[in-house]
Amino acid sequence: MAKIILTHEVSGLGEAGDVVEVKNGYARNYLVPQGFATPWTRGGQKQVDQIKAARAARELHSLEDAQALKAKLESAKVRLAVKAGLGGRLFGSVKPADVASAVADAGLGEIDKRKVEFTAPVKSVGDHEVTVKLRDEVTATVTLQVVAAK
């Protein structure tokens, strides 16, 4: 087993700044070459502290702010205009960055695109449910109204 420091969020493994143990091949062949992790060293603890401080600065400052943003997100529909072909099928799919910018354009607040999760790919016009993780204990469900761009 190899002990590594995650530099990016890896689903199912942890968030940036976490120290985890994984199999040697997974660390050597995937996580380190892709830039998702670095090998753990004693001096690496400073890097862990910096990553955690940056993550804390990006998070919403208080639980009350997160609850208020959750209420705003769940009470409104977010409209997103994208290119679509015949039958309402999209050219490509909706990305997390598209959702984050649509929420900001609607005046509902700023969300981090890395915290947007889809239950299924959004590849057609209509209403879709999108999950946004605001904090560890606060998750909002956003109704995304995808329409064809003129």
N, C-alpha and C. Protein backbone atom coordinates (compact mmCIF):
# COMPACT_ATOMS: atom_id res chain seq x y z
N MET A 1 0.84 -1.18 0.00
CA MET A 1 0.00 0.00 0.00
C MET A 1 0.88 1.24 0.00
N ALA A 2 0.46 2.24 -0.77
CA ALA A 2 1.21 3.49 -0.87
C ALA A 2 0.43 4.60 -0.17
N LYS A 3 1.12 5.41 0.59
CA LYS A 3 0.52 6.54 1.27
C LYS A 3 0.73 7.77 0.40
N ILE A 4 -0.38 8.45 0.03
CA ILE A 4 -0.30 9.60 -0.88
C ILE A 4 -1.10 10.77 -0.32
N ILE A 5 -0.82 11.95 -0.87
CA ILE A 5 -1.57 13.16 -0.55
C ILE A 5 -2.36 13.54 -1.79
N LEU A 6 -3.67 13.64 -1.67
CA LEU A 6 -4.50 14.03 -2.81
C LEU A 6 -4.36 15.53 -3.05
N THR A 7 -4.13 15.92 -4.30
CA THR A 7 -4.04 17.33 -4.66
C THR A 7 -5.32 17.81 -5.34
N HIS A 8 -6.18 16.89 -5.75
CA HIS A 8 -7.49 17.19 -6.34
C HIS A 8 -8.51 16.26 -5.72
N GLU A 9 -9.78 16.58 -5.87
CA GLU A 9 -10.84 15.70 -5.38
C GLU A 9 -10.94 14.50 -6.30
N VAL A 10 -10.95 13.31 -5.71
CA VAL A 10 -11.11 12.07 -6.45
C VAL A 10 -12.33 11.38 -5.86
N SER A 11 -13.38 11.19 -6.66
CA SER A 11 -14.61 10.62 -6.13
C SER A 11 -14.36 9.20 -5.63
N GLY A 12 -14.91 8.91 -4.48
CA GLY A 12 -14.74 7.60 -3.87
C GLY A 12 -13.46 7.46 -3.07
N LEU A 13 -12.58 8.45 -3.13
CA LEU A 13 -11.30 8.36 -2.44
C LEU A 13 -11.13 9.47 -1.42
N GLY A 14 -11.42 10.71 -1.81
CA GLY A 14 -11.29 11.82 -0.87
C GLY A 14 -11.17 13.14 -1.59
N GLU A 15 -10.98 14.18 -0.79
CA GLU A 15 -10.85 15.53 -1.33
C GLU A 15 -9.41 15.98 -1.28
N ALA A 16 -9.14 17.11 -1.89
CA ALA A 16 -7.79 17.66 -1.90
C ALA A 16 -7.31 17.89 -0.48
N GLY A 17 -6.09 17.46 -0.21
CA GLY A 17 -5.50 17.63 1.11
C GLY A 17 -5.62 16.40 1.99
N ASP A 18 -6.39 15.42 1.58
CA ASP A 18 -6.52 14.20 2.37
C ASP A 18 -5.30 13.30 2.17
N VAL A 19 -4.87 12.66 3.22
CA VAL A 19 -3.79 11.67 3.15
C VAL A 19 -4.47 10.30 3.17
N VAL A 20 -4.28 9.53 2.10
CA VAL A 20 -4.95 8.23 1.98
C VAL A 20 -3.94 7.15 1.60
N GLU A 21 -4.33 5.91 1.83
CA GLU A 21 -3.52 4.78 1.41
C GLU A 21 -4.25 4.06 0.29
N VAL A 22 -3.53 3.84 -0.82
CA VAL A 22 -4.09 3.14 -1.97
C VAL A 22 -3.09 2.08 -2.41
N LYS A 23 -3.51 1.24 -3.32
CA LYS A 23 -2.59 0.23 -3.84
C LYS A 23 -1.47 0.90 -4.62
N ASN A 24 -0.32 0.28 -4.60
CA ASN A 24 0.87 0.85 -5.24
C ASN A 24 0.65 1.16 -6.72
N GLY A 25 0.05 0.26 -7.46
CA GLY A 25 -0.15 0.44 -8.89
C GLY A 25 -1.10 1.58 -9.20
N TYR A 26 -2.15 1.72 -8.40
CA TYR A 26 -3.12 2.80 -8.60
C TYR A 26 -2.44 4.16 -8.41
N ALA A 27 -1.60 4.25 -7.40
CA ALA A 27 -0.89 5.50 -7.16
C ALA A 27 0.16 5.75 -8.24
N ARG A 28 0.96 4.77 -8.54
CA ARG A 28 2.09 4.92 -9.46
C ARG A 28 1.63 5.11 -10.91
N ASN A 29 0.58 4.40 -11.32
CA ASN A 29 0.18 4.41 -12.72
C ASN A 29 -0.92 5.40 -13.06
N TYR A 30 -1.69 5.84 -12.07
CA TYR A 30 -2.80 6.72 -12.40
C TYR A 30 -2.78 8.04 -11.62
N LEU A 31 -2.85 7.97 -10.30
CA LEU A 31 -3.04 9.18 -9.50
C LEU A 31 -1.87 10.17 -9.61
N VAL A 32 -0.64 9.69 -9.49
CA VAL A 32 0.51 10.60 -9.55
C VAL A 32 0.74 11.13 -10.97
N PRO A 33 0.74 10.29 -12.02
CA PRO A 33 0.95 10.85 -13.37
C PRO A 33 -0.14 11.82 -13.83
N GLN A 34 -1.38 11.61 -13.39
CA GLN A 34 -2.47 12.50 -13.78
C GLN A 34 -2.48 13.79 -12.96
N GLY A 35 -1.65 13.86 -11.93
CA GLY A 35 -1.58 15.06 -11.11
C GLY A 35 -2.63 15.12 -10.01
N PHE A 36 -3.30 13.99 -9.74
CA PHE A 36 -4.31 13.95 -8.70
C PHE A 36 -3.71 13.77 -7.31
N ALA A 37 -2.45 13.35 -7.24
CA ALA A 37 -1.84 13.07 -5.95
C ALA A 37 -0.33 13.22 -6.03
N THR A 38 0.28 13.34 -4.85
CA THR A 38 1.74 13.33 -4.74
C THR A 38 2.11 12.31 -3.67
N PRO A 39 3.28 11.74 -3.75
CA PRO A 39 3.69 10.78 -2.72
C PRO A 39 3.78 11.49 -1.36
N TRP A 40 3.42 10.76 -0.31
CA TRP A 40 3.46 11.34 1.03
C TRP A 40 4.88 11.36 1.55
N THR A 41 5.28 12.50 2.09
CA THR A 41 6.57 12.64 2.76
C THR A 41 6.34 13.43 4.04
N ARG A 42 7.32 13.47 4.90
CA ARG A 42 7.16 14.25 6.14
C ARG A 42 7.03 15.73 5.82
N GLY A 43 7.76 16.20 4.83
CA GLY A 43 7.66 17.59 4.42
C GLY A 43 6.35 17.88 3.69
N GLY A 44 5.68 16.85 3.23
CA GLY A 44 4.41 17.02 2.53
C GLY A 44 3.29 17.50 3.43
N GLN A 45 3.49 17.42 4.73
CA GLN A 45 2.45 17.88 5.65
C GLN A 45 2.20 19.37 5.49
N LYS A 46 3.23 20.15 5.15
CA LYS A 46 3.05 21.58 4.89
C LYS A 46 2.12 21.79 3.70
N GLN A 47 2.31 20.97 2.66
CA GLN A 47 1.46 21.06 1.48
C GLN A 47 0.02 20.71 1.84
N VAL A 48 -0.17 19.71 2.69
CA VAL A 48 -1.51 19.32 3.12
C VAL A 48 -2.18 20.49 3.83
N ASP A 49 -1.45 21.18 4.70
CA ASP A 49 -2.01 22.31 5.43
C ASP A 49 -2.41 23.44 4.48
N GLN A 50 -1.59 23.70 3.45
CA GLN A 50 -1.91 24.75 2.48
C GLN A 50 -3.16 24.40 1.68
N ILE A 51 -3.28 23.16 1.26
CA ILE A 51 -4.44 22.73 0.48
C ILE A 51 -5.71 22.84 1.32
N LYS A 52 -5.64 22.42 2.58
CA LYS A 52 -6.82 22.49 3.45
C LYS A 52 -7.21 23.94 3.73
N ALA A 53 -6.23 24.83 3.87
CA ALA A 53 -6.54 26.23 4.10
C ALA A 53 -7.21 26.84 2.87
N ALA A 54 -6.75 26.49 1.66
CA ALA A 54 -7.36 26.99 0.44
C ALA A 54 -8.79 26.46 0.29
N ARG A 55 -9.00 25.20 0.65
CA ARG A 55 -10.34 24.62 0.56
C ARG A 55 -11.28 25.30 1.54
N ALA A 56 -10.81 25.57 2.74
CA ALA A 56 -11.64 26.24 3.75
C ALA A 56 -12.00 27.66 3.29
N ALA A 57 -11.10 28.33 2.60
CA ALA A 57 -11.38 29.69 2.11
C ALA A 57 -12.43 29.66 1.01
N ARG A 58 -12.44 28.61 0.19
CA ARG A 58 -13.42 28.50 -0.89
C ARG A 58 -14.80 28.10 -0.40
N GLU A 59 -14.87 27.36 0.71
CA GLU A 59 -16.15 26.91 1.22
C GLU A 59 -16.97 28.09 1.73
N LEU A 60 -18.24 27.91 1.77
CA LEU A 60 -19.09 28.94 2.36
C LEU A 60 -18.74 29.06 3.82
N HIS A 61 -18.70 30.28 4.31
CA HIS A 61 -18.15 30.53 5.64
C HIS A 61 -18.97 29.96 6.78
N SER A 62 -20.26 29.94 6.66
CA SER A 62 -21.03 29.45 7.80
C SER A 62 -22.15 28.55 7.32
N LEU A 63 -22.65 27.78 8.25
CA LEU A 63 -23.75 26.88 7.96
C LEU A 63 -25.01 27.65 7.61
N GLU A 64 -25.20 28.82 8.23
CA GLU A 64 -26.39 29.63 7.95
C GLU A 64 -26.37 30.15 6.51
N ASP A 65 -25.18 30.55 6.02
CA ASP A 65 -25.06 31.00 4.64
C ASP A 65 -25.40 29.86 3.67
N ALA A 66 -24.92 28.68 3.98
CA ALA A 66 -25.18 27.52 3.12
C ALA A 66 -26.67 27.17 3.12
N GLN A 67 -27.32 27.24 4.29
CA GLN A 67 -28.76 26.94 4.35
C GLN A 67 -29.56 27.98 3.57
N ALA A 68 -29.15 29.25 3.65
CA ALA A 68 -29.85 30.30 2.91
C ALA A 68 -29.70 30.11 1.40
N LEU A 69 -28.49 29.78 0.97
CA LEU A 69 -28.26 29.53 -0.46
C LEU A 69 -29.03 28.32 -0.93
N LYS A 70 -29.10 27.28 -0.09
CA LYS A 70 -29.86 26.07 -0.43
C LYS A 70 -31.33 26.43 -0.64
N ALA A 71 -31.89 27.25 0.23
CA ALA A 71 -33.30 27.64 0.10
C ALA A 71 -33.53 28.42 -1.19
N LYS A 72 -32.60 29.31 -1.54
CA LYS A 72 -32.75 30.08 -2.78
C LYS A 72 -32.65 29.17 -4.00
N LEU A 73 -31.70 28.23 -3.98
CA LEU A 73 -31.50 27.36 -5.14
C LEU A 73 -32.69 26.42 -5.34
N GLU A 74 -33.25 25.91 -4.25
CA GLU A 74 -34.34 24.94 -4.38
C GLU A 74 -35.68 25.60 -4.68
N SER A 75 -35.80 26.91 -4.42
CA SER A 75 -37.08 27.58 -4.65
C SER A 75 -37.24 28.06 -6.09
N ALA A 76 -36.15 28.18 -6.83
CA ALA A 76 -36.23 28.73 -8.19
C ALA A 76 -35.77 27.72 -9.23
N LYS A 77 -36.30 27.89 -10.45
CA LYS A 77 -35.81 27.11 -11.57
C LYS A 77 -34.69 27.89 -12.23
N VAL A 78 -33.63 27.18 -12.59
CA VAL A 78 -32.51 27.81 -13.27
C VAL A 78 -32.65 27.50 -14.76
N ARG A 79 -32.70 28.56 -15.56
CA ARG A 79 -32.90 28.41 -17.01
C ARG A 79 -31.55 28.43 -17.70
N LEU A 80 -31.34 27.47 -18.62
CA LEU A 80 -30.09 27.35 -19.35
C LEU A 80 -30.41 27.13 -20.83
N ALA A 81 -29.96 28.06 -21.68
CA ALA A 81 -30.17 27.96 -23.13
C ALA A 81 -28.93 27.34 -23.78
N VAL A 82 -29.13 26.24 -24.50
CA VAL A 82 -28.02 25.55 -25.18
C VAL A 82 -28.44 25.19 -26.60
N LYS A 83 -27.45 24.91 -27.44
CA LYS A 83 -27.73 24.51 -28.81
C LYS A 83 -28.38 23.14 -28.82
N ALA A 84 -29.45 23.03 -29.59
CA ALA A 84 -30.16 21.75 -29.68
C ALA A 84 -30.56 21.49 -31.12
N GLY A 85 -30.64 20.23 -31.46
CA GLY A 85 -31.06 19.83 -32.79
C GLY A 85 -32.54 19.50 -32.81
N LEU A 86 -32.95 18.81 -33.85
CA LEU A 86 -34.36 18.42 -33.98
C LEU A 86 -34.71 17.44 -32.87
N GLY A 87 -35.92 17.54 -32.37
CA GLY A 87 -36.38 16.64 -31.33
C GLY A 87 -35.88 17.01 -29.95
N GLY A 88 -35.22 18.14 -29.81
CA GLY A 88 -34.77 18.58 -28.50
C GLY A 88 -33.51 17.91 -28.00
N ARG A 89 -32.79 17.25 -28.87
CA ARG A 89 -31.54 16.60 -28.47
C ARG A 89 -30.40 17.61 -28.55
N LEU A 90 -29.58 17.67 -27.49
CA LEU A 90 -28.50 18.64 -27.42
C LEU A 90 -27.29 18.21 -28.23
N PHE A 91 -26.51 19.20 -28.66
CA PHE A 91 -25.21 18.93 -29.28
C PHE A 91 -24.23 18.81 -28.13
N GLY A 92 -23.91 17.62 -27.70
CA GLY A 92 -23.07 17.41 -26.53
C GLY A 92 -23.95 17.25 -25.30
N SER A 93 -23.46 17.71 -24.16
CA SER A 93 -24.25 17.62 -22.93
C SER A 93 -23.96 18.84 -22.06
N VAL A 94 -24.76 19.03 -21.03
CA VAL A 94 -24.59 20.14 -20.12
C VAL A 94 -23.46 19.80 -19.15
N LYS A 95 -22.54 20.71 -18.96
CA LYS A 95 -21.38 20.52 -18.09
C LYS A 95 -21.62 21.23 -16.75
N PRO A 96 -20.88 20.83 -15.71
CA PRO A 96 -21.02 21.50 -14.41
C PRO A 96 -20.72 23.00 -14.48
N ALA A 97 -19.79 23.41 -15.31
CA ALA A 97 -19.48 24.84 -15.45
C ALA A 97 -20.68 25.59 -16.03
N ASP A 98 -21.43 24.96 -16.94
CA ASP A 98 -22.62 25.58 -17.50
C ASP A 98 -23.66 25.83 -16.41
N VAL A 99 -23.82 24.85 -15.51
CA VAL A 99 -24.79 24.99 -14.43
C VAL A 99 -24.36 26.11 -13.48
N ALA A 100 -23.06 26.16 -13.14
CA ALA A 100 -22.56 27.19 -12.23
C ALA A 100 -22.76 28.58 -12.82
N SER A 101 -22.50 28.74 -14.11
CA SER A 101 -22.68 30.06 -14.73
C SER A 101 -24.17 30.41 -14.85
N ALA A 102 -25.03 29.44 -15.09
CA ALA A 102 -26.47 29.70 -15.18
C ALA A 102 -27.02 30.13 -13.82
N VAL A 103 -26.53 29.53 -12.74
CA VAL A 103 -26.96 29.92 -11.40
C VAL A 103 -26.52 31.35 -11.11
N ALA A 104 -25.28 31.69 -11.49
CA ALA A 104 -24.78 33.05 -11.28
C ALA A 104 -25.56 34.06 -12.12
N ASP A 105 -25.88 33.70 -13.38
CA ASP A 105 -26.64 34.59 -14.25
C ASP A 105 -28.06 34.82 -13.74
N ALA A 106 -28.62 33.82 -13.06
CA ALA A 106 -29.96 33.94 -12.52
C ALA A 106 -29.98 34.80 -11.25
N GLY A 107 -28.80 35.17 -10.75
CA GLY A 107 -28.71 36.00 -9.56
C GLY A 107 -28.95 35.25 -8.27
N LEU A 108 -28.73 33.94 -8.28
CA LEU A 108 -28.98 33.13 -7.09
C LEU A 108 -27.74 32.96 -6.21
N GLY A 109 -26.58 33.38 -6.70
CA GLY A 109 -25.36 33.24 -5.91
C GLY A 109 -24.29 32.50 -6.69
N GLU A 110 -23.12 32.44 -6.10
CA GLU A 110 -21.98 31.77 -6.72
C GLU A 110 -21.86 30.35 -6.16
N ILE A 111 -21.69 29.38 -7.05
CA ILE A 111 -21.42 28.01 -6.62
C ILE A 111 -20.17 27.52 -7.33
N ASP A 112 -19.50 26.57 -6.72
CA ASP A 112 -18.28 26.00 -7.28
C ASP A 112 -18.67 24.91 -8.27
N LYS A 113 -18.13 24.99 -9.49
CA LYS A 113 -18.48 24.01 -10.52
C LYS A 113 -18.05 22.60 -10.13
N ARG A 114 -17.06 22.48 -9.26
CA ARG A 114 -16.60 21.15 -8.85
C ARG A 114 -17.56 20.48 -7.88
N LYS A 115 -18.53 21.23 -7.37
CA LYS A 115 -19.49 20.68 -6.41
C LYS A 115 -20.82 20.31 -7.07
N VAL A 116 -20.92 20.45 -8.41
CA VAL A 116 -22.14 20.13 -9.14
C VAL A 116 -22.07 18.67 -9.57
N GLU A 117 -23.13 17.91 -9.26
CA GLU A 117 -23.18 16.49 -9.60
C GLU A 117 -24.46 16.19 -10.36
N PHE A 118 -24.33 15.38 -11.41
CA PHE A 118 -25.48 14.95 -12.21
C PHE A 118 -25.82 13.51 -11.86
N THR A 119 -27.12 13.20 -11.76
CA THR A 119 -27.51 11.81 -11.56
C THR A 119 -27.43 11.06 -12.89
N ALA A 120 -27.71 11.77 -13.97
CA ALA A 120 -27.60 11.22 -15.33
C ALA A 120 -27.17 12.36 -16.24
N PRO A 121 -26.48 12.06 -17.34
CA PRO A 121 -26.06 13.13 -18.26
C PRO A 121 -27.27 13.88 -18.81
N VAL A 122 -27.15 15.20 -18.91
CA VAL A 122 -28.22 16.04 -19.43
C VAL A 122 -27.95 16.23 -20.92
N LYS A 123 -28.74 15.52 -21.75
CA LYS A 123 -28.53 15.55 -23.19
C LYS A 123 -29.78 15.93 -23.98
N SER A 124 -30.81 16.43 -23.28
CA SER A 124 -32.03 16.83 -23.97
C SER A 124 -32.63 18.04 -23.26
N VAL A 125 -33.51 18.75 -23.99
CA VAL A 125 -34.19 19.89 -23.39
C VAL A 125 -35.24 19.39 -22.40
N GLY A 126 -35.61 20.25 -21.47
CA GLY A 126 -36.60 19.89 -20.46
C GLY A 126 -36.08 20.18 -19.08
N ASP A 127 -36.82 19.73 -18.07
CA ASP A 127 -36.42 19.93 -16.68
C ASP A 127 -35.60 18.75 -16.19
N HIS A 128 -34.50 19.07 -15.52
CA HIS A 128 -33.60 18.04 -14.98
C HIS A 128 -33.22 18.41 -13.55
N GLU A 129 -32.97 17.40 -12.73
CA GLU A 129 -32.55 17.61 -11.34
C GLU A 129 -31.03 17.53 -11.27
N VAL A 130 -30.42 18.53 -10.63
CA VAL A 130 -28.96 18.59 -10.46
C VAL A 130 -28.68 18.78 -8.97
N THR A 131 -27.70 18.07 -8.44
CA THR A 131 -27.34 18.17 -7.04
C THR A 131 -26.11 19.05 -6.88
N VAL A 132 -26.15 19.98 -5.92
CA VAL A 132 -25.02 20.85 -5.63
C VAL A 132 -24.65 20.66 -4.16
N LYS A 133 -23.40 20.28 -3.92
CA LYS A 133 -22.92 20.08 -2.55
C LYS A 133 -22.33 21.40 -2.06
N LEU A 134 -23.06 22.09 -1.19
CA LEU A 134 -22.63 23.40 -0.71
C LEU A 134 -21.61 23.28 0.41
N ARG A 135 -21.82 22.35 1.32
CA ARG A 135 -20.89 22.02 2.40
C ARG A 135 -20.98 20.52 2.60
N ASP A 136 -20.20 19.99 3.52
CA ASP A 136 -20.24 18.55 3.77
C ASP A 136 -21.63 18.10 4.20
N GLU A 137 -22.33 18.92 4.98
CA GLU A 137 -23.63 18.52 5.51
C GLU A 137 -24.81 19.18 4.81
N VAL A 138 -24.56 20.03 3.80
CA VAL A 138 -25.65 20.74 3.11
C VAL A 138 -25.58 20.46 1.61
N THR A 139 -26.66 19.84 1.11
CA THR A 139 -26.75 19.54 -0.31
C THR A 139 -28.07 20.10 -0.85
N ALA A 140 -27.99 20.82 -1.97
CA ALA A 140 -29.18 21.41 -2.57
C ALA A 140 -29.51 20.70 -3.89
N THR A 141 -30.79 20.57 -4.17
CA THR A 141 -31.24 20.01 -5.43
C THR A 141 -31.78 21.16 -6.28
N VAL A 142 -31.16 21.37 -7.43
CA VAL A 142 -31.52 22.48 -8.31
C VAL A 142 -32.33 21.93 -9.48
N THR A 143 -33.43 22.59 -9.81
CA THR A 143 -34.20 22.24 -10.99
C THR A 143 -33.65 23.03 -12.15
N LEU A 144 -33.07 22.35 -13.11
CA LEU A 144 -32.44 22.97 -14.27
C LEU A 144 -33.40 22.86 -15.46
N GLN A 145 -33.81 24.01 -15.99
CA GLN A 145 -34.70 24.05 -17.13
C GLN A 145 -33.87 24.30 -18.37
N VAL A 146 -33.62 23.26 -19.15
CA VAL A 146 -32.80 23.35 -20.36
C VAL A 146 -33.71 23.66 -21.54
N VAL A 147 -33.38 24.75 -22.25
CA VAL A 147 -34.16 25.16 -23.41
C VAL A 147 -33.23 25.29 -24.62
N ALA A 148 -33.80 25.19 -25.80
CA ALA A 148 -33.03 25.33 -27.03
C ALA A 148 -32.71 26.80 -27.28
N ALA A 149 -31.46 27.07 -27.59
CA ALA A 149 -31.04 28.45 -27.89
C ALA A 149 -31.54 28.82 -29.27
N LYS A 150 -31.92 30.06 -29.41
CA LYS A 150 -32.44 30.54 -30.71
C LYS A 150 -31.28 30.84 -31.64
